[in-house]
Protein backbone atom coordinates (compact mmCIF):
# COMPACT_ATOMS: atom_id res chain seq x y z
CA MET A 1 -94.25 -132.71 -64.50
CA THR A 2 -93.44 -133.03 -68.18
CA ARG A 3 -90.39 -131.10 -69.33
CA ILE A 4 -90.20 -129.85 -72.92
CA ASP A 5 -87.31 -127.54 -73.72
CA VAL A 6 -87.28 -125.03 -76.58
CA VAL A 7 -84.12 -124.90 -78.68
CA ASP A 8 -83.45 -121.31 -79.70
CA ASN A 9 -82.72 -120.85 -83.39
CA HIS A 10 -82.73 -117.07 -82.85
CA GLY A 11 -86.36 -116.60 -83.83
CA GLN A 12 -88.46 -113.65 -82.76
CA PHE A 13 -91.13 -115.91 -81.23
CA THR A 14 -88.95 -118.30 -79.20
CA HIS A 15 -90.00 -116.73 -75.90
CA LEU A 16 -93.66 -117.15 -76.92
CA GLU A 17 -93.10 -120.88 -77.48
CA ARG A 18 -91.78 -121.19 -73.94
CA ARG A 19 -94.69 -119.16 -72.62
CA ALA A 20 -97.24 -121.30 -74.49
CA LEU A 21 -95.75 -124.45 -72.97
CA ASN A 22 -95.65 -122.92 -69.48
CA ASP A 23 -99.29 -121.85 -69.88
CA ILE A 24 -100.37 -125.49 -70.35
CA GLY A 25 -98.42 -126.66 -67.31
CA VAL A 26 -95.20 -127.82 -68.96
CA ASP A 27 -91.82 -127.23 -67.32
CA CYS A 28 -89.78 -125.50 -70.02
CA GLU A 29 -86.44 -123.79 -70.53
CA ILE A 30 -84.93 -122.13 -73.58
CA LEU A 31 -81.68 -123.76 -74.69
CA GLU A 32 -79.07 -122.40 -77.09
CA ASN A 33 -78.89 -124.45 -80.28
CA THR A 34 -75.24 -125.15 -79.47
CA THR A 35 -76.05 -126.98 -76.22
CA PRO A 36 -74.24 -130.35 -76.16
CA PRO A 37 -76.77 -133.17 -76.57
CA ASP A 38 -75.56 -134.93 -73.40
CA GLU A 39 -76.58 -131.86 -71.38
CA ILE A 40 -80.22 -132.08 -72.47
CA ASP A 41 -82.58 -133.72 -69.99
CA ALA A 42 -86.10 -133.26 -71.31
CA ASP A 43 -89.11 -135.35 -72.25
CA GLY A 44 -89.33 -133.54 -75.60
CA LEU A 45 -87.84 -130.70 -77.61
CA VAL A 46 -89.25 -127.88 -79.69
CA LEU A 47 -86.91 -126.57 -82.38
CA SER A 48 -87.85 -122.93 -82.74
CA GLY A 49 -88.20 -120.89 -85.86
CA GLY A 50 -85.58 -118.36 -86.84
CA PRO A 51 -84.27 -116.09 -89.55
CA GLY A 52 -81.79 -118.51 -91.11
CA SER A 53 -82.11 -121.15 -93.78
CA ALA A 54 -81.96 -124.90 -93.18
CA GLY A 55 -79.36 -125.12 -95.93
CA GLU A 56 -76.89 -123.01 -93.93
CA LYS A 57 -74.97 -125.33 -91.58
CA GLU A 58 -74.52 -122.77 -88.81
CA THR A 59 -78.23 -121.88 -88.75
CA GLY A 60 -79.41 -124.88 -86.74
CA GLY A 61 -76.38 -125.27 -84.51
CA ARG A 62 -76.55 -128.82 -83.14
CA CYS A 63 -80.26 -129.37 -83.90
CA GLY A 64 -79.43 -132.33 -86.14
CA ASP A 65 -77.82 -134.08 -83.16
CA TYR A 66 -80.96 -133.59 -81.08
CA LEU A 67 -83.01 -135.71 -83.48
CA ASP A 68 -81.16 -138.77 -82.17
CA LEU A 69 -81.88 -138.18 -78.46
CA ASP A 70 -84.82 -140.61 -78.37
CA VAL A 71 -87.30 -137.92 -77.30
CA PRO A 72 -90.12 -136.45 -79.40
CA VAL A 73 -89.20 -133.35 -81.41
CA LEU A 74 -91.51 -130.66 -82.77
CA GLY A 75 -89.98 -128.36 -85.37
CA ILE A 76 -91.67 -125.00 -85.88
CA CYS A 77 -91.07 -123.18 -89.20
CA LEU A 78 -87.24 -123.22 -89.51
CA GLY A 79 -87.25 -126.04 -86.95
CA MET A 80 -89.44 -128.13 -89.27
CA GLN A 81 -87.15 -127.33 -92.18
CA ILE A 82 -84.10 -128.44 -90.16
CA VAL A 83 -85.82 -131.75 -89.32
CA ALA A 84 -86.65 -132.26 -93.00
CA ALA A 85 -83.16 -131.42 -94.26
CA GLU A 86 -81.44 -133.53 -91.59
CA ARG A 87 -83.60 -136.56 -92.42
CA GLY A 88 -83.13 -136.39 -96.20
CA GLY A 89 -85.93 -134.11 -97.35
CA TYR A 90 -85.55 -131.07 -99.56
CA VAL A 91 -86.06 -127.49 -98.38
CA GLY A 92 -86.22 -124.65 -100.88
CA PRO A 93 -87.50 -121.12 -101.32
CA GLY A 94 -91.24 -120.67 -101.10
CA GLU A 95 -93.20 -119.01 -103.84
CA TYR A 96 -94.67 -116.62 -101.26
CA GLY A 97 -92.31 -115.08 -98.71
CA GLY A 98 -93.08 -113.16 -95.55
CA TYR A 99 -95.67 -113.74 -92.86
CA ALA A 100 -99.29 -114.27 -93.77
CA ASP A 101 -102.58 -115.56 -92.44
CA VAL A 102 -103.23 -118.86 -94.25
CA THR A 103 -105.91 -121.54 -94.10
CA VAL A 104 -104.41 -125.02 -93.77
CA GLU A 105 -106.20 -128.29 -94.47
CA ILE A 106 -105.43 -131.21 -92.15
CA THR A 107 -104.71 -134.22 -94.37
CA GLU A 108 -104.07 -136.94 -91.77
CA GLY A 109 -106.89 -137.21 -89.26
CA GLU A 110 -105.08 -139.92 -87.26
CA ASP A 111 -101.88 -137.90 -86.74
CA PRO A 112 -101.29 -137.37 -82.99
CA LEU A 113 -100.09 -133.78 -83.48
CA ALA A 114 -102.43 -132.31 -86.11
CA GLY A 115 -105.23 -134.88 -86.38
CA SER A 116 -107.41 -133.36 -83.65
CA LEU A 117 -107.42 -129.91 -85.27
CA ALA A 118 -110.40 -128.72 -87.30
CA PRO A 119 -110.32 -129.98 -90.91
CA GLU A 120 -109.44 -126.40 -91.91
CA THR A 121 -107.81 -123.93 -89.56
CA ARG A 122 -106.24 -120.48 -89.85
CA VAL A 123 -102.55 -120.14 -89.04
CA TRP A 124 -99.85 -117.47 -89.04
CA THR A 125 -96.95 -118.62 -91.15
CA SER A 126 -93.97 -117.61 -93.26
CA HIS A 127 -93.08 -119.25 -96.56
CA ALA A 128 -89.71 -117.69 -97.30
CA ASP A 129 -88.40 -121.28 -97.20
CA GLN A 130 -90.46 -124.44 -97.01
CA VAL A 131 -90.21 -128.21 -97.19
CA LYS A 132 -90.56 -129.16 -100.86
CA ASP A 133 -89.94 -132.92 -100.60
CA LEU A 134 -90.64 -135.00 -97.50
CA PRO A 135 -87.87 -137.04 -95.92
CA PRO A 136 -88.20 -140.83 -96.11
CA GLY A 137 -90.69 -142.14 -93.54
CA PHE A 138 -92.56 -138.84 -93.17
CA VAL A 139 -96.13 -138.07 -94.21
CA CYS A 140 -97.69 -134.71 -94.98
CA THR A 141 -100.29 -133.91 -92.30
CA ALA A 142 -101.42 -130.47 -93.51
CA ARG A 143 -101.32 -128.42 -96.70
CA SER A 144 -102.52 -125.08 -98.01
CA GLU A 145 -103.03 -123.30 -101.31
CA VAL A 146 -99.58 -121.72 -100.98
CA CYS A 147 -97.63 -124.67 -99.56
CA ALA A 148 -98.05 -128.38 -100.28
CA ILE A 149 -96.39 -129.40 -96.98
CA GLU A 150 -97.60 -127.22 -94.08
CA ALA A 151 -97.03 -129.99 -91.52
CA MET A 152 -95.32 -133.38 -91.47
CA SER A 153 -94.69 -136.26 -89.15
CA ASP A 154 -92.79 -139.49 -88.75
CA GLU A 155 -94.73 -141.01 -85.88
CA SER A 156 -92.39 -144.01 -85.55
CA ALA A 157 -89.46 -141.65 -84.92
CA ALA A 158 -91.58 -139.15 -82.91
CA LEU A 159 -90.52 -136.32 -85.24
CA TYR A 160 -93.08 -133.66 -86.12
CA GLY A 161 -93.07 -130.32 -87.88
CA VAL A 162 -95.38 -127.41 -88.60
CA GLN A 163 -94.59 -124.58 -91.01
CA TRP A 164 -96.81 -122.26 -89.00
CA HIS A 165 -96.36 -120.63 -85.60
CA PRO A 166 -98.73 -122.18 -83.03
CA GLU A 167 -97.40 -119.84 -80.33
CA VAL A 168 -98.86 -116.62 -81.76
CA ALA A 169 -102.37 -115.30 -81.20
CA HIS A 170 -103.09 -115.17 -84.95
CA THR A 171 -103.03 -119.00 -85.14
CA GLU A 172 -106.28 -120.76 -84.34
CA GLN A 173 -105.84 -123.89 -82.23
CA GLY A 174 -102.19 -123.12 -81.50
CA THR A 175 -102.60 -124.15 -77.88
CA GLU A 176 -104.02 -127.49 -79.03
CA VAL A 177 -100.86 -128.15 -81.06
CA PHE A 178 -98.77 -127.71 -77.89
CA GLU A 179 -101.21 -129.81 -75.85
CA ASN A 180 -101.02 -132.58 -78.45
CA PHE A 181 -97.22 -132.44 -78.38
CA ARG A 182 -97.24 -132.65 -74.59
CA ALA A 183 -99.41 -135.79 -74.86
CA ILE A 184 -96.91 -137.29 -77.33
CA CYS A 185 -94.09 -136.59 -74.88
CA GLU A 186 -96.01 -138.16 -72.00
CA ARG A 187 -96.50 -141.52 -73.76
């Protein structure tokens, strides 16, 4: 059975990410973001959202170290911002803060994480902070009217990120995002 652990960045939906993975048949545990990398034995990692900012060193704990574990990583909201900041992108305040229902447009139909989603899909997301400039090697895989980079990927490094929360009921096709990530981890 595939094992994908969720790294807890103290977000309010972390337990829902674990539940979503369990619901699709993935073995999953929640790990503190201070867990030493050599103690992680998973086929993939989800970096959860959270209330902090990617620019604050203590926010992501050891998440930057986990990007070098040679397993696929999916960053959700703050998790995506941590991936971007750690890999040389720029994260800054969004023009629109707080949670909202947003329509995103999938821009990369071949992307293994987002490519199978409908060309436009509704998501539940927060834009208090957001990725403003992609890290080297990454492509934008989704955008919206309020955020130019709603999702990103570096397929060669198996690093992916979504600004939205696929684990909540308000997001259409959220389960498909987790199923796609499981498929990436099973390659």
